[in-house]
Amino acid sequence: MAWKQIITYTRPNTGVPWAMLDNSCKDHIVSTYEDTGKSVSFTSVLSADGLTLTRTRTFDSEASFNEYRNDSVIRNTSNDITSYNSDNSITKTSQTGDL
């Protein structure tokens, strides 16, 4: 059964840049999850006012999601993004599951 992660970020104004993944993390996601079929889709949608960014990643199974969530490369990058967001007043909400 497919498993989905929806993360919504909200920034205080459009002058605050979004945190971005570095190329090595992007490459890791592609080779480890997308090319293997574990991550079956990814979308990134910016709201009309430019203040809210919603990223949705769908996995082929809960097991693949758990592998992604526990991946050290993903965890380290996530920690960096969390610090950046905190320093720049960007909030995050997330939903995960069979959505």
N, C-alpha and C. Protein backbone atom coordinates (compact mmCIF):
# COMPACT_ATOMS: atom_id res chain seq x y z
N MET A 1 0.84 -1.17 0.00
CA MET A 1 0.00 0.00 0.00
C MET A 1 0.89 1.24 0.00
N ALA A 2 0.56 2.21 -0.83
CA ALA A 2 1.33 3.44 -0.93
C ALA A 2 1.31 4.20 0.38
N TRP A 3 2.38 4.91 0.64
CA TRP A 3 2.55 5.69 1.87
C TRP A 3 2.99 7.09 1.47
N LYS A 4 2.38 8.09 2.05
CA LYS A 4 2.61 9.46 1.62
C LYS A 4 3.13 10.32 2.77
N GLN A 5 4.02 11.25 2.41
CA GLN A 5 4.50 12.26 3.35
C GLN A 5 4.19 13.62 2.74
N ILE A 6 3.44 14.43 3.47
CA ILE A 6 3.11 15.79 3.03
C ILE A 6 3.72 16.76 4.04
N ILE A 7 4.62 17.60 3.57
CA ILE A 7 5.25 18.60 4.43
C ILE A 7 4.89 19.98 3.89
N THR A 8 4.41 20.83 4.80
CA THR A 8 4.04 22.19 4.43
C THR A 8 4.91 23.16 5.22
N TYR A 9 5.58 24.04 4.50
CA TYR A 9 6.42 25.07 5.10
C TYR A 9 5.75 26.42 4.89
N THR A 10 5.82 27.28 5.88
CA THR A 10 5.29 28.63 5.76
C THR A 10 6.36 29.61 6.21
N ARG A 11 6.65 30.58 5.35
CA ARG A 11 7.66 31.59 5.68
C ARG A 11 7.00 32.93 6.00
N PRO A 12 7.70 33.79 6.72
CA PRO A 12 7.09 35.04 7.15
C PRO A 12 6.87 36.04 6.01
N ASN A 13 7.72 35.98 5.00
CA ASN A 13 7.58 36.86 3.83
C ASN A 13 8.38 36.29 2.68
N THR A 14 8.17 36.80 1.50
CA THR A 14 8.83 36.24 0.31
C THR A 14 10.31 36.62 0.22
N GLY A 15 10.78 37.47 1.11
CA GLY A 15 12.19 37.81 1.14
C GLY A 15 13.05 36.75 1.82
N VAL A 16 12.41 35.80 2.49
CA VAL A 16 13.12 34.71 3.17
C VAL A 16 13.21 33.53 2.21
N PRO A 17 14.42 33.16 1.79
CA PRO A 17 14.56 32.02 0.87
C PRO A 17 14.19 30.69 1.53
N TRP A 18 13.70 29.76 0.73
CA TRP A 18 13.43 28.41 1.22
C TRP A 18 14.73 27.67 1.40
N ALA A 19 14.79 26.78 2.36
CA ALA A 19 15.93 25.88 2.50
C ALA A 19 15.89 24.90 1.32
N MET A 20 17.04 24.62 0.76
CA MET A 20 17.12 23.73 -0.39
C MET A 20 18.04 22.56 -0.10
N LEU A 21 17.74 21.41 -0.68
CA LEU A 21 18.61 20.25 -0.56
C LEU A 21 19.88 20.49 -1.35
N ASP A 22 21.01 20.03 -0.83
CA ASP A 22 22.23 20.11 -1.62
C ASP A 22 22.21 19.02 -2.69
N ASN A 23 23.06 19.17 -3.69
CA ASN A 23 23.05 18.24 -4.82
C ASN A 23 23.37 16.81 -4.42
N SER A 24 24.23 16.62 -3.42
CA SER A 24 24.57 15.24 -3.03
C SER A 24 23.36 14.54 -2.41
N CYS A 25 22.55 15.28 -1.65
CA CYS A 25 21.34 14.67 -1.08
C CYS A 25 20.32 14.39 -2.18
N LYS A 26 20.16 15.32 -3.12
CA LYS A 26 19.24 15.09 -4.24
C LYS A 26 19.65 13.84 -5.01
N ASP A 27 20.95 13.72 -5.29
CA ASP A 27 21.45 12.55 -6.03
C ASP A 27 21.19 11.27 -5.25
N HIS A 28 21.37 11.32 -3.94
CA HIS A 28 21.13 10.16 -3.08
C HIS A 28 19.65 9.75 -3.14
N ILE A 29 18.76 10.71 -3.07
CA ILE A 29 17.32 10.41 -3.14
C ILE A 29 16.98 9.76 -4.47
N VAL A 30 17.53 10.31 -5.55
CA VAL A 30 17.24 9.75 -6.88
C VAL A 30 17.74 8.31 -6.97
N SER A 31 19.00 8.09 -6.61
CA SER A 31 19.57 6.75 -6.80
C SER A 31 19.03 5.71 -5.81
N THR A 32 18.72 6.13 -4.60
CA THR A 32 18.31 5.18 -3.58
C THR A 32 16.80 4.94 -3.53
N TYR A 33 16.03 5.96 -3.89
CA TYR A 33 14.57 5.85 -3.72
C TYR A 33 13.79 5.99 -5.03
N GLU A 34 14.13 6.96 -5.85
CA GLU A 34 13.36 7.16 -7.08
C GLU A 34 13.70 6.12 -8.15
N ASP A 35 14.99 5.92 -8.40
CA ASP A 35 15.39 4.96 -9.44
C ASP A 35 15.04 3.51 -9.09
N THR A 36 14.84 3.24 -7.81
CA THR A 36 14.52 1.88 -7.36
C THR A 36 13.02 1.65 -7.22
N GLY A 37 12.21 2.71 -7.42
CA GLY A 37 10.76 2.58 -7.32
C GLY A 37 10.22 2.68 -5.91
N LYS A 38 11.08 2.98 -4.95
CA LYS A 38 10.61 3.12 -3.56
C LYS A 38 9.87 4.44 -3.37
N SER A 39 10.34 5.50 -4.05
CA SER A 39 9.62 6.78 -4.09
C SER A 39 9.01 6.89 -5.47
N VAL A 40 7.68 6.90 -5.52
CA VAL A 40 7.01 6.82 -6.81
C VAL A 40 6.57 8.18 -7.36
N SER A 41 6.53 9.21 -6.49
CA SER A 41 6.22 10.55 -7.00
C SER A 41 6.66 11.60 -5.99
N PHE A 42 6.91 12.79 -6.52
CA PHE A 42 7.28 13.94 -5.69
C PHE A 42 6.73 15.19 -6.35
N THR A 43 6.02 16.01 -5.57
CA THR A 43 5.54 17.30 -6.08
C THR A 43 5.91 18.39 -5.09
N SER A 44 6.07 19.57 -5.61
CA SER A 44 6.36 20.74 -4.82
C SER A 44 5.47 21.86 -5.35
N VAL A 45 4.60 22.40 -4.48
CA VAL A 45 3.62 23.40 -4.91
C VAL A 45 3.77 24.65 -4.05
N LEU A 46 3.94 25.78 -4.70
CA LEU A 46 4.05 27.07 -4.03
C LEU A 46 2.70 27.77 -4.08
N SER A 47 2.25 28.31 -2.95
CA SER A 47 0.96 29.01 -2.90
C SER A 47 1.01 30.28 -3.74
N ALA A 48 -0.15 30.80 -4.10
CA ALA A 48 -0.25 32.00 -4.94
C ALA A 48 0.45 33.19 -4.31
N ASP A 49 0.39 33.30 -2.98
CA ASP A 49 1.04 34.44 -2.32
C ASP A 49 2.53 34.21 -2.06
N GLY A 50 3.03 33.02 -2.39
CA GLY A 50 4.45 32.72 -2.26
C GLY A 50 4.91 32.43 -0.84
N LEU A 51 3.99 32.30 0.10
CA LEU A 51 4.37 32.12 1.50
C LEU A 51 4.34 30.66 1.97
N THR A 52 3.66 29.81 1.24
CA THR A 52 3.51 28.42 1.65
C THR A 52 4.01 27.48 0.56
N LEU A 53 4.85 26.54 0.96
CA LEU A 53 5.39 25.55 0.05
C LEU A 53 4.98 24.18 0.57
N THR A 54 4.30 23.40 -0.28
CA THR A 54 3.86 22.07 0.10
C THR A 54 4.59 21.05 -0.76
N ARG A 55 5.28 20.14 -0.08
CA ARG A 55 6.03 19.08 -0.77
C ARG A 55 5.41 17.73 -0.40
N THR A 56 5.08 16.96 -1.42
CA THR A 56 4.46 15.66 -1.21
C THR A 56 5.30 14.59 -1.88
N ARG A 57 5.69 13.60 -1.10
CA ARG A 57 6.42 12.46 -1.64
C ARG A 57 5.61 11.20 -1.33
N THR A 58 5.41 10.38 -2.36
CA THR A 58 4.67 9.14 -2.21
C THR A 58 5.64 7.98 -2.37
N PHE A 59 5.54 7.05 -1.43
CA PHE A 59 6.38 5.86 -1.42
C PHE A 59 5.54 4.64 -1.79
N ASP A 60 6.19 3.61 -2.28
CA ASP A 60 5.47 2.40 -2.67
C ASP A 60 4.94 1.62 -1.47
N SER A 61 5.51 1.88 -0.28
CA SER A 61 5.08 1.14 0.92
C SER A 61 5.51 1.88 2.18
N GLU A 62 4.94 1.48 3.29
CA GLU A 62 5.35 2.04 4.58
C GLU A 62 6.82 1.68 4.86
N ALA A 63 7.23 0.49 4.48
CA ALA A 63 8.62 0.06 4.69
C ALA A 63 9.60 0.98 3.96
N SER A 64 9.28 1.36 2.74
CA SER A 64 10.15 2.27 1.98
C SER A 64 10.20 3.64 2.63
N PHE A 65 9.04 4.11 3.12
CA PHE A 65 9.02 5.38 3.83
C PHE A 65 9.90 5.32 5.07
N ASN A 66 9.78 4.24 5.84
CA ASN A 66 10.59 4.10 7.06
C ASN A 66 12.07 4.04 6.74
N GLU A 67 12.44 3.38 5.65
CA GLU A 67 13.84 3.35 5.22
C GLU A 67 14.31 4.77 4.92
N TYR A 68 13.49 5.53 4.19
CA TYR A 68 13.81 6.92 3.85
C TYR A 68 13.95 7.76 5.11
N ARG A 69 13.00 7.64 6.00
CA ARG A 69 12.99 8.44 7.22
C ARG A 69 14.21 8.15 8.11
N ASN A 70 14.69 6.92 8.10
CA ASN A 70 15.82 6.54 8.93
C ASN A 70 17.17 6.61 8.22
N ASP A 71 17.18 6.99 6.97
CA ASP A 71 18.39 7.11 6.17
C ASP A 71 19.27 8.24 6.75
N SER A 72 20.53 7.95 7.01
CA SER A 72 21.41 8.95 7.65
C SER A 72 21.61 10.19 6.79
N VAL A 73 21.66 10.05 5.47
CA VAL A 73 21.81 11.21 4.60
C VAL A 73 20.57 12.10 4.71
N ILE A 74 19.39 11.49 4.69
CA ILE A 74 18.14 12.25 4.80
C ILE A 74 18.05 12.89 6.18
N ARG A 75 18.38 12.16 7.22
CA ARG A 75 18.29 12.69 8.59
C ARG A 75 19.23 13.88 8.79
N ASN A 76 20.46 13.78 8.30
CA ASN A 76 21.41 14.88 8.45
C ASN A 76 20.94 16.12 7.70
N THR A 77 20.44 15.93 6.50
CA THR A 77 19.93 17.05 5.72
C THR A 77 18.70 17.65 6.39
N SER A 78 17.83 16.80 6.89
CA SER A 78 16.63 17.26 7.59
C SER A 78 16.99 18.09 8.81
N ASN A 79 18.01 17.67 9.54
CA ASN A 79 18.46 18.44 10.70
C ASN A 79 18.97 19.82 10.29
N ASP A 80 19.72 19.87 9.19
CA ASP A 80 20.21 21.16 8.68
C ASP A 80 19.06 22.07 8.27
N ILE A 81 18.06 21.49 7.61
CA ILE A 81 16.90 22.28 7.18
C ILE A 81 16.11 22.76 8.39
N THR A 82 15.95 21.92 9.39
CA THR A 82 15.24 22.32 10.60
C THR A 82 15.93 23.50 11.27
N SER A 83 17.24 23.47 11.35
CA SER A 83 18.00 24.59 11.93
C SER A 83 17.82 25.86 11.11
N TYR A 84 17.95 25.74 9.78
CA TYR A 84 17.77 26.90 8.91
C TYR A 84 16.37 27.49 9.09
N ASN A 85 15.36 26.61 9.08
CA ASN A 85 13.98 27.09 9.21
C ASN A 85 13.76 27.79 10.54
N SER A 86 14.30 27.24 11.60
CA SER A 86 14.17 27.86 12.92
C SER A 86 14.81 29.24 12.94
N ASP A 87 15.99 29.34 12.36
CA ASP A 87 16.72 30.62 12.32
C ASP A 87 16.01 31.66 11.46
N ASN A 88 15.15 31.20 10.54
CA ASN A 88 14.51 32.12 9.59
C ASN A 88 12.99 32.19 9.74
N SER A 89 12.48 31.73 10.87
CA SER A 89 11.05 31.80 11.20
C SER A 89 10.16 31.10 10.18
N ILE A 90 10.65 30.00 9.64
CA ILE A 90 9.85 29.17 8.73
C ILE A 90 9.26 28.04 9.56
N THR A 91 7.95 27.89 9.50
CA THR A 91 7.28 26.82 10.24
C THR A 91 7.04 25.62 9.35
N LYS A 92 6.86 24.47 9.99
CA LYS A 92 6.68 23.22 9.25
C LYS A 92 5.55 22.42 9.90
N THR A 93 4.68 21.89 9.07
CA THR A 93 3.71 20.91 9.52
C THR A 93 3.86 19.70 8.61
N SER A 94 3.54 18.53 9.12
CA SER A 94 3.66 17.34 8.28
C SER A 94 2.57 16.34 8.59
N GLN A 95 2.24 15.58 7.58
CA GLN A 95 1.30 14.47 7.68
C GLN A 95 1.98 13.28 7.00
N THR A 96 1.83 12.12 7.60
CA THR A 96 2.42 10.93 7.03
C THR A 96 1.46 9.78 7.21
N GLY A 97 1.37 8.95 6.20
CA GLY A 97 0.56 7.76 6.32
C GLY A 97 -0.10 7.39 5.03
N ASP A 98 -1.13 6.58 5.14
CA ASP A 98 -1.92 6.14 4.01
C ASP A 98 -2.97 7.22 3.73
N LEU A 99 -2.50 8.34 3.20
CA LEU A 99 -3.35 9.52 3.02
C LEU A 99 -4.05 9.54 1.67
